[in-house]
């Protein structure tokens, strides 16, 4: 499987992390001795299931390393645009259809074990999209002060993960989906229309289960998809605010100390 690492975020004045980044990419923030994205690269390097890695939003002067990295791409202006451009680059290098692991650069807590779990779990079926969600109790057990935003469903409360899988064929054969996603990315009403107002209403009323919600949205987009309930809080512990940055710094510093003690 190939992996795409998205690193396009540069906090602007007035945004929560600007005082920390001062105009540089969020992916390069120092966390426990190395750039945030380096933790993600290390996890991918150690995962046997990952063959090639492309990153988008940085360049070769970023002073980060990944043995599987085969290319840098410039930021395309938005998350959806970046994912599409990255997958198209992988297709250009090898047109053979394959699943692509899409990983955000701001989840430095992930490990190779978590990458392997995500890949092996998804490959038990043959869907277009696999979306990891983390139950509230899992997140709050590991990161009780994370202050994540949760979606309340009929059967559980979840937050979204930032390591998911998309089949490359979805980019080449479903152009209309990407056009709709790009067109709706800054418009709440268009987003609601895209998933269906009936589904949105059921979500607001907590009258739908996780799998029902996924199936409704997938049918609306004419694709197949599966929600994967992830047991790793780190997959959803992204860094968007200063308290989250300090939280993950402390978490990874403890991991380093524990690793040194174990050896």
Protein backbone atom coordinates (compact mmCIF):
# COMPACT_ATOMS: atom_id res chain seq x y z
CA UNK A 1 0.00 0.00 0.00
CA UNK A 2 1.11 3.57 -0.67
CA UNK A 3 0.73 6.45 1.78
CA UNK A 4 -0.01 10.13 1.30
CA UNK A 5 0.99 12.49 4.10
CA UNK A 6 -0.79 15.85 4.03
CA UNK A 7 1.20 18.77 5.44
CA UNK A 8 -0.36 21.83 3.85
CA UNK A 9 -1.33 23.77 6.95
CA UNK A 10 0.46 27.07 7.66
CA UNK A 11 -1.26 28.89 10.55
CA UNK A 12 -2.04 32.53 9.76
CA UNK A 13 -2.02 35.54 12.13
CA UNK A 14 -4.93 35.25 14.52
CA UNK A 15 -5.14 31.45 14.27
CA UNK A 16 -4.49 29.39 17.41
CA UNK A 17 -1.01 28.07 16.55
CA UNK A 18 0.41 31.15 14.84
CA UNK A 19 2.41 32.23 17.89
CA UNK A 20 4.16 28.85 17.76
CA UNK A 21 4.72 28.62 14.00
CA UNK A 22 5.33 32.26 13.00
CA UNK A 23 4.71 31.55 9.32
CA UNK A 24 6.22 28.08 9.01
CA UNK A 25 4.33 24.88 8.30
CA UNK A 26 2.54 23.36 11.27
CA UNK A 27 4.05 20.03 10.23
CA UNK A 28 7.50 21.31 11.22
CA UNK A 29 6.63 22.23 14.81
CA UNK A 30 9.12 20.69 17.21
CA UNK A 31 7.67 17.90 19.32
CA UNK A 32 9.84 15.89 21.72
CA UNK A 33 13.03 16.54 19.81
CA UNK A 34 11.94 16.37 16.17
CA UNK A 35 9.52 17.92 13.68
CA UNK A 36 5.92 16.79 14.12
CA UNK A 37 5.77 15.20 10.66
CA UNK A 38 8.93 13.21 11.39
CA UNK A 39 7.01 11.15 13.96
CA UNK A 40 4.50 10.27 11.22
CA UNK A 41 7.28 9.41 8.74
CA UNK A 42 8.95 7.17 11.33
CA UNK A 43 5.69 5.27 11.86
CA UNK A 44 5.31 4.74 8.11
CA UNK A 45 8.95 3.71 7.70
CA UNK A 46 8.47 1.01 10.31
CA UNK A 47 5.26 -0.36 8.80
CA UNK A 48 5.93 -3.30 6.48
CA UNK A 49 2.64 -2.79 4.64
CA UNK A 50 3.66 0.66 3.32
CA UNK A 51 5.73 0.67 0.14
CA UNK A 52 5.87 4.30 -1.03
CA UNK A 53 5.17 7.68 0.55
CA UNK A 54 4.30 11.02 -1.03
CA UNK A 55 3.91 14.18 1.03
CA UNK A 56 2.09 17.32 0.03
CA UNK A 57 2.66 20.79 1.46
CA UNK A 58 6.42 20.62 2.08
CA UNK A 59 9.51 20.56 -0.13
CA UNK A 60 12.87 18.82 -0.15
CA UNK A 61 14.41 21.65 1.92
CA UNK A 62 12.23 20.83 4.92
CA UNK A 63 14.94 18.79 6.63
CA UNK A 64 12.77 15.74 7.29
CA UNK A 65 13.50 12.17 6.24
CA UNK A 66 11.55 9.09 5.25
CA UNK A 67 13.19 6.09 3.60
CA UNK A 68 10.02 5.39 1.60
CA UNK A 69 9.47 8.98 0.48
CA UNK A 70 9.40 9.30 -3.31
CA UNK A 71 8.19 12.84 -3.77
CA UNK A 72 7.15 16.23 -2.41
CA UNK A 73 4.21 18.16 -3.83
CA UNK A 74 3.26 21.81 -3.22
CA UNK A 75 0.17 22.70 -1.23
CA UNK A 76 -2.91 22.78 -3.48
CA UNK A 77 -4.89 25.13 -1.24
CA UNK A 78 -7.18 22.79 0.68
CA UNK A 79 -7.41 19.31 2.20
CA UNK A 80 -9.63 17.82 -0.52
CA UNK A 81 -7.49 19.31 -3.29
CA UNK A 82 -4.33 18.04 -1.58
CA UNK A 83 -5.63 14.48 -1.23
CA UNK A 84 -6.69 14.37 -4.85
CA UNK A 85 -3.38 15.79 -6.11
CA UNK A 86 -1.38 13.36 -3.99
CA UNK A 87 -3.28 10.32 -5.21
CA UNK A 88 -2.98 11.51 -8.82
CA UNK A 89 0.79 11.73 -8.31
CA UNK A 90 0.89 8.15 -7.07
CA UNK A 91 -1.18 7.06 -10.07
CA UNK A 92 1.23 8.88 -12.37
CA UNK A 93 4.12 6.91 -10.86
CA UNK A 94 2.22 3.62 -11.05
CA UNK A 95 -1.25 3.41 -12.65
CA UNK A 96 -2.06 0.07 -11.05
CA UNK A 97 -5.17 0.61 -8.87
CA UNK A 98 -4.44 0.32 -5.17
CA UNK A 99 -5.61 1.58 -1.78
CA UNK A 100 -3.82 4.67 -0.44
CA UNK A 101 -3.40 5.43 3.25
CA UNK A 102 -4.05 9.14 3.76
CA UNK A 103 -2.35 10.41 6.91
CA UNK A 104 -2.35 13.89 8.37
CA UNK A 105 1.03 15.22 9.48
CA UNK A 106 -0.44 16.46 12.77
CA UNK A 107 -1.00 13.09 14.48
CA UNK A 108 2.56 12.49 15.77
CA UNK A 109 1.39 9.97 18.35
CA UNK A 110 0.83 7.20 15.80
CA UNK A 111 3.15 4.18 15.65
CA UNK A 112 3.99 1.54 13.06
CA UNK A 113 1.73 -0.87 14.94
CA UNK A 114 -1.21 1.49 14.48
CA UNK A 115 -0.48 1.86 10.77
CA UNK A 116 -0.40 -1.91 10.37
CA UNK A 117 -3.66 -2.26 12.27
CA UNK A 118 -5.40 0.32 10.06
CA UNK A 119 -4.21 -1.38 6.87
CA UNK A 120 -4.98 -4.96 7.92
CA UNK A 121 -8.41 -4.04 9.29
CA UNK A 122 -9.43 -2.16 6.16
CA UNK A 123 -8.24 -4.86 3.80
CA UNK A 124 -10.77 -7.32 5.20
CA UNK A 125 -13.26 -5.87 2.70
CA UNK A 126 -13.17 -4.19 -0.69
CA UNK A 127 -14.64 -0.71 -0.19
CA UNK A 128 -13.77 2.62 -1.79
CA UNK A 129 -13.24 4.49 1.47
CA UNK A 130 -12.39 3.46 5.04
CA UNK A 131 -12.88 6.11 7.71
CA UNK A 132 -11.46 5.63 11.19
CA UNK A 133 -13.48 6.89 14.14
CA UNK A 134 -12.41 6.87 17.77
CA UNK A 135 -14.99 6.28 20.53
CA UNK A 136 -15.15 9.00 23.16
CA UNK A 137 -14.18 6.63 25.96
CA UNK A 138 -11.05 5.55 24.06
CA UNK A 139 -9.97 9.14 23.41
CA UNK A 140 -10.65 10.36 26.92
CA UNK A 141 -8.89 7.41 28.54
CA UNK A 142 -5.62 8.32 26.80
CA UNK A 143 -6.10 12.07 26.39
CA UNK A 144 -8.64 13.21 29.02
CA UNK A 145 -7.81 16.88 28.40
CA UNK A 146 -7.89 16.78 24.61
CA UNK A 147 -11.24 18.62 24.31
CA UNK A 148 -12.15 16.89 21.07
CA UNK A 149 -15.45 17.50 19.30
CA UNK A 150 -17.64 14.38 19.21
CA UNK A 151 -20.51 13.30 17.01
CA UNK A 152 -23.29 11.71 19.05
CA UNK A 153 -24.85 8.78 17.25
CA UNK A 154 -27.51 6.33 18.32
CA UNK A 155 -24.99 3.70 19.34
CA UNK A 156 -21.89 5.66 20.38
CA UNK A 157 -20.06 8.99 20.48
CA UNK A 158 -17.07 9.32 18.18
CA UNK A 159 -14.52 11.75 16.85
CA UNK A 160 -12.90 11.43 13.45
CA UNK A 161 -9.50 9.90 12.86
CA UNK A 162 -6.80 11.42 10.67
CA UNK A 163 -5.50 8.19 9.12
CA UNK A 164 -7.90 6.80 6.53
CA UNK A 165 -7.84 4.79 3.32
CA UNK A 166 -9.03 5.74 -0.15
CA UNK A 167 -8.81 3.57 -3.25
CA UNK A 168 -6.88 5.31 -6.03
CA UNK A 169 -9.58 4.31 -8.54
CA UNK A 170 -11.95 6.66 -6.74
CA UNK A 171 -9.93 9.57 -8.13
CA UNK A 172 -9.82 8.36 -11.73
CA UNK A 173 -13.35 7.02 -12.04
CA UNK A 174 -15.38 9.33 -9.79
CA UNK A 175 -14.48 12.85 -10.87
CA UNK A 176 -17.93 14.13 -9.98
CA UNK A 177 -17.40 13.22 -6.32
CA UNK A 178 -14.23 15.26 -6.07
CA UNK A 179 -15.82 18.18 -7.87
CA UNK A 180 -18.71 18.13 -5.39
CA UNK A 181 -16.38 17.84 -2.40
CA UNK A 182 -14.20 20.72 -3.61
CA UNK A 183 -17.24 22.88 -4.40
CA UNK A 184 -18.79 22.27 -0.97
CA UNK A 185 -15.73 22.48 1.26
CA UNK A 186 -16.46 26.04 2.45
CA UNK A 187 -20.25 26.00 2.23
CA UNK A 188 -22.25 24.40 5.05
CA UNK A 189 -25.45 24.22 3.02
CA UNK A 190 -23.70 22.50 0.12
CA UNK A 191 -22.12 20.05 2.54
CA UNK A 192 -25.51 19.27 4.03
CA UNK A 193 -26.99 18.75 0.56
CA UNK A 194 -24.11 16.44 -0.30
CA UNK A 195 -24.74 14.04 2.58
CA UNK A 196 -28.52 14.49 2.39
CA UNK A 197 -30.72 16.59 4.64
CA UNK A 198 -32.49 13.47 5.92
CA UNK A 199 -29.19 12.00 7.09
CA UNK A 200 -28.17 15.32 8.61
CA UNK A 201 -31.45 15.51 10.51
CA UNK A 202 -31.06 11.97 11.83
CA UNK A 203 -27.52 12.81 12.95
CA UNK A 204 -28.77 15.91 14.77
CA UNK A 205 -31.49 13.87 16.43
CA UNK A 206 -29.04 11.06 17.27
CA UNK A 207 -31.44 8.74 15.51
CA UNK A 208 -28.91 6.83 13.42
CA UNK A 209 -26.12 4.34 14.08
CA UNK A 210 -22.56 4.76 12.86
CA UNK A 211 -22.82 2.16 10.12
CA UNK A 212 -26.21 3.48 8.99
CA UNK A 213 -24.76 6.98 8.69
CA UNK A 214 -21.82 5.74 6.62
CA UNK A 215 -24.03 3.70 4.31
CA UNK A 216 -26.41 6.61 3.73
CA UNK A 217 -23.58 8.98 2.81
CA UNK A 218 -21.90 6.33 0.63
CA UNK A 219 -25.12 5.71 -1.29
CA UNK A 220 -25.55 9.44 -1.73
CA UNK A 221 -22.07 9.67 -3.28
CA UNK A 222 -22.47 6.41 -5.24
CA UNK A 223 -19.48 4.78 -3.58
CA UNK A 224 -18.89 2.07 -1.00
CA UNK A 225 -17.51 2.95 2.42
CA UNK A 226 -16.94 1.55 5.86
CA UNK A 227 -16.49 3.19 9.24
CA UNK A 228 -13.75 1.52 11.24
CA UNK A 229 -13.96 1.84 15.02
CA UNK A 230 -10.34 2.46 15.97
CA UNK A 231 -8.94 1.42 19.37
CA UNK A 232 -6.05 3.92 19.20
CA UNK A 233 -6.69 7.43 20.50
CA UNK A 234 -3.49 8.64 18.83
CA UNK A 235 -5.12 8.29 15.39
CA UNK A 236 -7.57 11.05 16.32
CA UNK A 237 -5.24 13.18 18.45
CA UNK A 238 -4.43 15.91 15.97
CA UNK A 239 -2.76 19.18 16.88
CA UNK A 240 -4.93 22.21 16.14
CA UNK A 241 -4.60 24.31 19.30
CA UNK A 242 -1.86 25.25 21.78
CA UNK A 243 -3.18 23.02 24.59
CA UNK A 244 -3.20 20.05 22.19
CA UNK A 245 0.37 20.81 21.16
CA UNK A 246 1.54 20.87 24.76
CA UNK A 247 -0.47 17.75 25.54
CA UNK A 248 1.11 15.71 22.73
CA UNK A 249 4.57 17.02 23.55
CA UNK A 250 4.24 15.75 27.12
CA UNK A 251 2.74 12.47 25.89
CA UNK A 252 5.61 11.73 23.50
CA UNK A 253 8.26 12.82 25.98
CA UNK A 254 6.80 10.27 28.42
CA UNK A 255 6.86 7.63 25.67
CA UNK A 256 10.57 8.31 25.08
CA UNK A 257 11.35 7.98 28.78
CA UNK A 258 9.31 4.78 29.09
CA UNK A 259 11.05 3.34 26.04
CA UNK A 260 14.46 4.13 27.50
CA UNK A 261 13.49 2.55 30.82
CA UNK A 262 12.24 -0.61 29.12
CA UNK A 263 15.50 -1.05 27.26
